[in-house]
Protein backbone atom coordinates (compact mmCIF):
# COMPACT_ATOMS: atom_id res chain seq x y z
CA MET A 1 -15.33 55.22 88.63
CA ILE A 2 -18.19 57.60 89.33
CA ILE A 3 -21.06 57.41 86.84
CA ASN A 4 -23.70 60.15 86.85
CA GLN A 5 -27.07 59.06 85.47
CA LEU A 6 -28.47 62.03 83.54
CA SER A 7 -31.61 60.30 82.25
CA LYS A 8 -33.03 56.80 81.92
CA ASP A 9 -30.90 56.21 78.82
CA PHE A 10 -27.87 58.46 79.28
CA SER A 11 -25.06 58.59 81.86
CA ALA A 12 -21.78 60.48 82.02
CA SER A 13 -18.43 59.95 83.70
CA ALA A 14 -14.90 61.20 83.67
CA GLN A 15 -12.56 59.69 81.09
CA ILE A 16 -12.69 55.90 81.25
CA SER A 17 -9.75 53.57 80.75
CA VAL A 18 -9.56 50.59 78.43
CA ALA A 19 -9.56 48.38 81.55
CA GLU A 20 -12.97 49.78 82.59
CA VAL A 21 -14.74 48.98 79.31
CA GLN A 22 -15.55 45.36 80.25
CA ASP A 23 -16.89 46.46 83.65
CA LEU A 24 -19.18 48.97 81.95
CA ALA A 25 -20.46 46.28 79.57
CA ALA A 26 -21.15 43.95 82.50
CA ARG A 27 -23.16 46.75 84.12
CA GLY A 28 -25.38 47.02 81.03
CA PHE A 29 -23.84 49.93 79.14
CA THR A 30 -24.04 49.34 75.38
CA THR A 31 -22.56 52.48 73.79
CA ILE A 32 -19.67 54.77 74.71
CA VAL A 33 -19.58 58.36 73.45
CA CYS A 34 -15.99 59.60 73.58
CA SER A 35 -15.71 63.38 73.54
CA ARG A 36 -12.13 63.82 74.75
CA PRO A 37 -9.63 64.60 71.97
CA ASP A 38 -6.88 61.99 71.65
CA ARG A 39 -4.22 64.66 72.23
CA GLU A 40 -5.45 64.93 75.85
CA VAL A 41 -4.99 61.26 76.85
CA SER A 42 -2.06 58.96 77.53
CA ALA A 43 -0.82 56.41 75.01
CA GLY A 44 -2.99 53.30 75.20
CA GLU A 45 -6.11 55.26 76.17
CA THR A 46 -7.02 56.88 72.83
CA SER A 47 -10.43 56.63 71.20
CA GLN A 48 -9.04 53.90 68.94
CA ASP A 49 -7.89 51.90 71.99
CA ILE A 50 -11.34 52.25 73.56
CA GLN A 51 -12.97 51.23 70.24
CA GLN A 52 -10.92 48.04 70.14
CA ALA A 53 -12.11 47.12 73.64
CA ALA A 54 -15.79 48.10 73.26
CA ALA A 55 -18.66 46.86 71.14
CA ARG A 56 -19.84 50.34 70.15
CA VAL A 57 -18.06 53.70 70.45
CA GLU A 58 -18.97 57.09 69.03
CA PHE A 59 -16.00 59.49 68.82
CA SER A 60 -17.17 63.09 68.89
CA PRO A 61 -14.49 65.48 70.17
CA PRO A 62 -15.37 69.17 70.37
CA ALA A 63 -14.32 71.37 67.46
CA ALA A 64 -11.25 73.55 67.94
CA GLY A 65 -12.15 76.76 69.73
CA SER A 66 -15.43 75.46 71.18
CA GLN A 67 -16.11 75.35 74.89
């Protein structure tokens, strides 16, 4: 997984999997912001699945029609 550090407190990556959540926690990440709509991911990788695996998740998909 490639993680791009954007600032001291904020990094970004491509869509993560449930299996990667524990690795991210071990690396010191404390919050996940999920911006990919559930309709764009495979079963077992939805925001709810990530929430069950992580300590803190913010789900904020873009509004329909936004870019």
